[in-house]
Amino acid sequence: MLVGGLGSSDQLPSAIVVGRTLSSSTVPGIQGNALTITYTVYNEQADPISGVLLVDTLQPGVAFESASVLPDRNGQELAWSLGTLEGFGRVSVQV
């Protein structure tokens, strides 16, 4: 997974933190062979960060079903343009 701000390459700005929560942490808890992942991107500084992009690549055999915000797709790669993340702000995407 990659999250970047405008002007960054493949490294996270030091103020950006990404959290990931799974709908189940055990195989028996997965309903209908579908797992929901919630990514939350946090800006831990007072200044806004513009051009925030969240990118994730699905593993072989994993199928994309839906998301709370539709990503741009290139094969198994999913990308969400999150725009500007205000100071101490956060944004979440469910996949």
N, C-alpha and C. Protein backbone atom coordinates (compact mmCIF):
# COMPACT_ATOMS: atom_id res chain seq x y z
N MET A 1 0.84 -1.16 0.00
CA MET A 1 0.00 0.00 0.00
C MET A 1 0.89 1.23 0.00
N LEU A 2 0.46 2.25 -0.72
CA LEU A 2 1.21 3.49 -0.83
C LEU A 2 0.27 4.64 -0.57
N VAL A 3 0.68 5.56 0.25
CA VAL A 3 -0.04 6.81 0.41
C VAL A 3 0.98 7.89 0.24
N GLY A 4 0.65 8.87 -0.57
CA GLY A 4 1.60 9.94 -0.80
C GLY A 4 0.92 11.27 -0.88
N GLY A 5 1.71 12.30 -0.70
CA GLY A 5 1.23 13.66 -0.86
C GLY A 5 1.92 14.27 -2.06
N LEU A 6 1.40 15.37 -2.52
CA LEU A 6 1.94 16.06 -3.68
C LEU A 6 3.43 16.28 -3.50
N GLY A 7 4.19 15.93 -4.52
CA GLY A 7 5.63 16.13 -4.46
C GLY A 7 6.38 14.95 -3.85
N SER A 8 5.68 13.95 -3.36
CA SER A 8 6.38 12.80 -2.78
C SER A 8 6.58 11.75 -3.84
N SER A 9 7.57 10.91 -3.64
CA SER A 9 7.75 9.79 -4.57
C SER A 9 7.01 8.61 -3.99
N ASP A 10 7.72 7.54 -3.64
CA ASP A 10 7.06 6.37 -3.08
C ASP A 10 7.14 6.34 -1.56
N GLN A 11 7.48 7.46 -0.96
CA GLN A 11 7.61 7.49 0.50
C GLN A 11 6.47 8.29 1.10
N LEU A 12 6.05 7.87 2.28
CA LEU A 12 5.01 8.59 2.99
C LEU A 12 5.57 9.87 3.59
N PRO A 13 4.82 10.97 3.47
CA PRO A 13 5.23 12.14 4.25
C PRO A 13 5.20 11.74 5.73
N SER A 14 6.10 12.25 6.51
CA SER A 14 6.20 11.82 7.92
C SER A 14 4.93 12.09 8.70
N ALA A 15 4.09 12.99 8.24
CA ALA A 15 2.87 13.33 8.97
C ALA A 15 1.70 12.41 8.61
N ILE A 16 1.86 11.53 7.63
CA ILE A 16 0.78 10.65 7.20
C ILE A 16 0.91 9.27 7.86
N VAL A 17 -0.20 8.81 8.43
CA VAL A 17 -0.26 7.47 9.03
C VAL A 17 -1.48 6.78 8.42
N VAL A 18 -1.34 5.50 8.10
CA VAL A 18 -2.44 4.72 7.54
C VAL A 18 -2.77 3.58 8.48
N GLY A 19 -4.06 3.47 8.81
CA GLY A 19 -4.54 2.36 9.62
C GLY A 19 -5.40 1.45 8.77
N ARG A 20 -5.42 0.17 9.13
CA ARG A 20 -6.21 -0.80 8.39
C ARG A 20 -6.97 -1.66 9.39
N THR A 21 -8.28 -1.78 9.18
CA THR A 21 -9.14 -2.59 10.04
C THR A 21 -9.86 -3.61 9.17
N LEU A 22 -9.85 -4.86 9.61
CA LEU A 22 -10.53 -5.94 8.88
C LEU A 22 -11.88 -6.21 9.51
N SER A 23 -12.86 -6.61 8.68
CA SER A 23 -14.19 -6.92 9.22
C SER A 23 -14.18 -8.18 10.06
N SER A 24 -13.16 -9.02 9.89
CA SER A 24 -13.00 -10.22 10.72
C SER A 24 -11.52 -10.54 10.82
N SER A 25 -11.11 -10.97 11.97
CA SER A 25 -9.70 -11.36 12.14
C SER A 25 -9.51 -12.87 12.10
N THR A 26 -10.63 -13.60 11.88
CA THR A 26 -10.54 -15.06 11.79
C THR A 26 -11.29 -15.53 10.54
N VAL A 27 -10.86 -16.65 10.00
CA VAL A 27 -11.51 -17.22 8.81
C VAL A 27 -12.98 -17.56 9.09
N PRO A 28 -13.32 -18.18 10.25
CA PRO A 28 -14.73 -18.50 10.49
C PRO A 28 -15.63 -17.25 10.57
N GLY A 29 -15.04 -16.09 10.86
CA GLY A 29 -15.83 -14.86 10.97
C GLY A 29 -16.15 -14.20 9.65
N ILE A 30 -15.56 -14.69 8.57
CA ILE A 30 -15.80 -14.11 7.24
C ILE A 30 -17.13 -14.62 6.71
N GLN A 31 -18.02 -13.72 6.36
CA GLN A 31 -19.35 -14.06 5.89
C GLN A 31 -19.40 -14.01 4.36
N GLY A 32 -19.90 -15.06 3.73
CA GLY A 32 -20.08 -15.07 2.28
C GLY A 32 -18.80 -14.91 1.49
N ASN A 33 -17.68 -15.38 2.04
CA ASN A 33 -16.37 -15.27 1.38
C ASN A 33 -15.98 -13.84 1.06
N ALA A 34 -16.51 -12.88 1.80
CA ALA A 34 -16.18 -11.47 1.56
C ALA A 34 -15.61 -10.85 2.83
N LEU A 35 -14.51 -10.16 2.67
CA LEU A 35 -13.84 -9.48 3.78
C LEU A 35 -13.86 -7.98 3.47
N THR A 36 -14.25 -7.17 4.43
CA THR A 36 -14.23 -5.72 4.26
C THR A 36 -13.00 -5.18 4.96
N ILE A 37 -12.25 -4.35 4.23
CA ILE A 37 -11.08 -3.68 4.79
C ILE A 37 -11.39 -2.19 4.84
N THR A 38 -11.15 -1.58 5.99
CA THR A 38 -11.30 -0.13 6.12
C THR A 38 -9.92 0.47 6.28
N TYR A 39 -9.55 1.32 5.33
CA TYR A 39 -8.30 2.07 5.40
C TYR A 39 -8.63 3.47 5.91
N THR A 40 -7.90 3.92 6.93
CA THR A 40 -8.05 5.28 7.43
C THR A 40 -6.71 5.97 7.31
N VAL A 41 -6.69 7.10 6.62
CA VAL A 41 -5.48 7.89 6.41
C VAL A 41 -5.56 9.10 7.33
N TYR A 42 -4.54 9.28 8.17
CA TYR A 42 -4.49 10.36 9.15
C TYR A 42 -3.39 11.36 8.80
N ASN A 43 -3.69 12.65 8.97
CA ASN A 43 -2.68 13.70 8.89
C ASN A 43 -2.36 14.10 10.32
N GLU A 44 -1.16 13.82 10.78
CA GLU A 44 -0.79 14.08 12.17
C GLU A 44 -0.06 15.41 12.36
N GLN A 45 -0.30 16.34 11.46
CA GLN A 45 0.29 17.67 11.61
C GLN A 45 -0.80 18.72 11.41
N ALA A 46 -0.51 19.96 11.81
CA ALA A 46 -1.48 21.04 11.72
C ALA A 46 -1.68 21.52 10.28
N ASP A 47 -0.66 21.38 9.44
CA ASP A 47 -0.75 21.86 8.07
C ASP A 47 -1.46 20.83 7.18
N PRO A 48 -2.28 21.31 6.24
CA PRO A 48 -2.92 20.38 5.30
C PRO A 48 -1.89 19.76 4.36
N ILE A 49 -2.20 18.57 3.86
CA ILE A 49 -1.36 17.91 2.87
C ILE A 49 -2.24 17.69 1.64
N SER A 50 -1.79 18.19 0.49
CA SER A 50 -2.58 18.08 -0.73
C SER A 50 -2.08 16.93 -1.60
N GLY A 51 -2.95 16.51 -2.50
CA GLY A 51 -2.58 15.46 -3.44
C GLY A 51 -2.42 14.10 -2.79
N VAL A 52 -3.20 13.80 -1.77
CA VAL A 52 -3.06 12.52 -1.07
C VAL A 52 -3.65 11.40 -1.94
N LEU A 53 -2.85 10.37 -2.15
CA LEU A 53 -3.23 9.24 -2.98
C LEU A 53 -3.03 7.95 -2.19
N LEU A 54 -4.08 7.15 -2.08
CA LEU A 54 -4.02 5.84 -1.42
C LEU A 54 -4.02 4.78 -2.51
N VAL A 55 -3.03 3.90 -2.49
CA VAL A 55 -2.90 2.84 -3.50
C VAL A 55 -2.74 1.51 -2.80
N ASP A 56 -3.46 0.49 -3.30
CA ASP A 56 -3.32 -0.86 -2.78
C ASP A 56 -3.40 -1.83 -3.95
N THR A 57 -2.71 -2.94 -3.85
CA THR A 57 -2.72 -3.96 -4.89
C THR A 57 -3.31 -5.24 -4.31
N LEU A 58 -4.34 -5.75 -4.96
CA LEU A 58 -4.96 -7.00 -4.53
C LEU A 58 -4.07 -8.17 -4.89
N GLN A 59 -4.00 -9.14 -4.02
CA GLN A 59 -3.21 -10.34 -4.27
C GLN A 59 -3.89 -11.19 -5.35
N PRO A 60 -3.13 -12.02 -6.04
CA PRO A 60 -3.73 -12.93 -7.03
C PRO A 60 -4.83 -13.77 -6.38
N GLY A 61 -5.93 -13.93 -7.08
CA GLY A 61 -7.05 -14.71 -6.56
C GLY A 61 -8.03 -13.89 -5.75
N VAL A 62 -7.69 -12.64 -5.43
CA VAL A 62 -8.60 -11.77 -4.70
C VAL A 62 -9.36 -10.92 -5.71
N ALA A 63 -10.67 -10.86 -5.56
CA ALA A 63 -11.51 -10.09 -6.48
C ALA A 63 -12.04 -8.84 -5.80
N PHE A 64 -11.99 -7.74 -6.50
CA PHE A 64 -12.58 -6.49 -6.01
C PHE A 64 -14.08 -6.56 -6.21
N GLU A 65 -14.84 -6.25 -5.15
CA GLU A 65 -16.30 -6.30 -5.24
C GLU A 65 -16.90 -4.91 -5.22
N SER A 66 -16.53 -4.09 -4.24
CA SER A 66 -17.08 -2.73 -4.13
C SER A 66 -16.24 -1.94 -3.15
N ALA A 67 -16.52 -0.64 -3.10
CA ALA A 67 -15.84 0.25 -2.15
C ALA A 67 -16.75 1.42 -1.84
N SER A 68 -16.53 2.03 -0.68
CA SER A 68 -17.33 3.19 -0.28
C SER A 68 -17.08 4.37 -1.20
N VAL A 69 -15.88 4.45 -1.75
CA VAL A 69 -15.51 5.42 -2.78
C VAL A 69 -14.86 4.60 -3.89
N LEU A 70 -15.39 4.69 -5.10
CA LEU A 70 -14.84 3.87 -6.17
C LEU A 70 -13.42 4.30 -6.51
N PRO A 71 -12.51 3.32 -6.62
CA PRO A 71 -11.13 3.63 -6.95
C PRO A 71 -10.92 3.68 -8.46
N ASP A 72 -9.81 4.26 -8.87
CA ASP A 72 -9.31 4.05 -10.22
C ASP A 72 -8.67 2.68 -10.20
N ARG A 73 -8.83 1.91 -11.28
CA ARG A 73 -8.31 0.54 -11.30
C ARG A 73 -7.41 0.32 -12.50
N ASN A 74 -6.36 -0.44 -12.24
CA ASN A 74 -5.48 -0.92 -13.29
C ASN A 74 -5.16 -2.36 -12.93
N GLY A 75 -5.94 -3.30 -13.45
CA GLY A 75 -5.77 -4.69 -13.06
C GLY A 75 -6.09 -4.86 -11.58
N GLN A 76 -5.13 -5.38 -10.84
CA GLN A 76 -5.30 -5.60 -9.41
C GLN A 76 -4.94 -4.38 -8.56
N GLU A 77 -4.46 -3.32 -9.19
CA GLU A 77 -4.08 -2.12 -8.46
C GLU A 77 -5.28 -1.18 -8.33
N LEU A 78 -5.53 -0.75 -7.11
CA LEU A 78 -6.62 0.18 -6.80
C LEU A 78 -6.00 1.48 -6.31
N ALA A 79 -6.56 2.62 -6.73
CA ALA A 79 -6.02 3.92 -6.32
C ALA A 79 -7.16 4.88 -6.03
N TRP A 80 -7.07 5.55 -4.89
CA TRP A 80 -8.04 6.55 -4.49
C TRP A 80 -7.35 7.89 -4.37
N SER A 81 -7.82 8.87 -5.11
CA SER A 81 -7.33 10.23 -4.96
C SER A 81 -8.13 10.87 -3.84
N LEU A 82 -7.48 11.12 -2.71
CA LEU A 82 -8.16 11.62 -1.52
C LEU A 82 -8.11 13.13 -1.41
N GLY A 83 -7.44 13.80 -2.35
CA GLY A 83 -7.41 15.26 -2.35
C GLY A 83 -6.55 15.82 -1.23
N THR A 84 -7.07 16.85 -0.59
CA THR A 84 -6.34 17.51 0.50
C THR A 84 -6.84 16.98 1.84
N LEU A 85 -5.90 16.59 2.67
CA LEU A 85 -6.21 16.13 4.02
C LEU A 85 -5.87 17.26 4.97
N GLU A 86 -6.87 17.85 5.57
CA GLU A 86 -6.69 18.99 6.46
C GLU A 86 -5.83 18.61 7.66
N GLY A 87 -5.28 19.62 8.31
CA GLY A 87 -4.47 19.40 9.49
C GLY A 87 -5.22 18.59 10.54
N PHE A 88 -4.58 17.57 11.05
CA PHE A 88 -5.13 16.65 12.05
C PHE A 88 -6.41 15.98 11.57
N GLY A 89 -6.61 15.95 10.25
CA GLY A 89 -7.80 15.33 9.68
C GLY A 89 -7.57 13.88 9.34
N ARG A 90 -8.64 13.23 8.94
CA ARG A 90 -8.56 11.83 8.52
C ARG A 90 -9.65 11.56 7.51
N VAL A 91 -9.43 10.53 6.71
CA VAL A 91 -10.41 10.09 5.73
C VAL A 91 -10.36 8.57 5.69
N SER A 92 -11.52 7.94 5.50
CA SER A 92 -11.59 6.47 5.46
C SER A 92 -12.19 5.99 4.16
N VAL A 93 -11.75 4.81 3.73
CA VAL A 93 -12.27 4.14 2.55
C VAL A 93 -12.50 2.69 2.94
N GLN A 94 -13.70 2.17 2.63
CA GLN A 94 -13.97 0.76 2.86
C GLN A 94 -13.95 0.02 1.54
N VAL A 95 -13.28 -1.13 1.53
CA VAL A 95 -13.16 -1.97 0.33
C VAL A 95 -13.73 -3.33 0.64
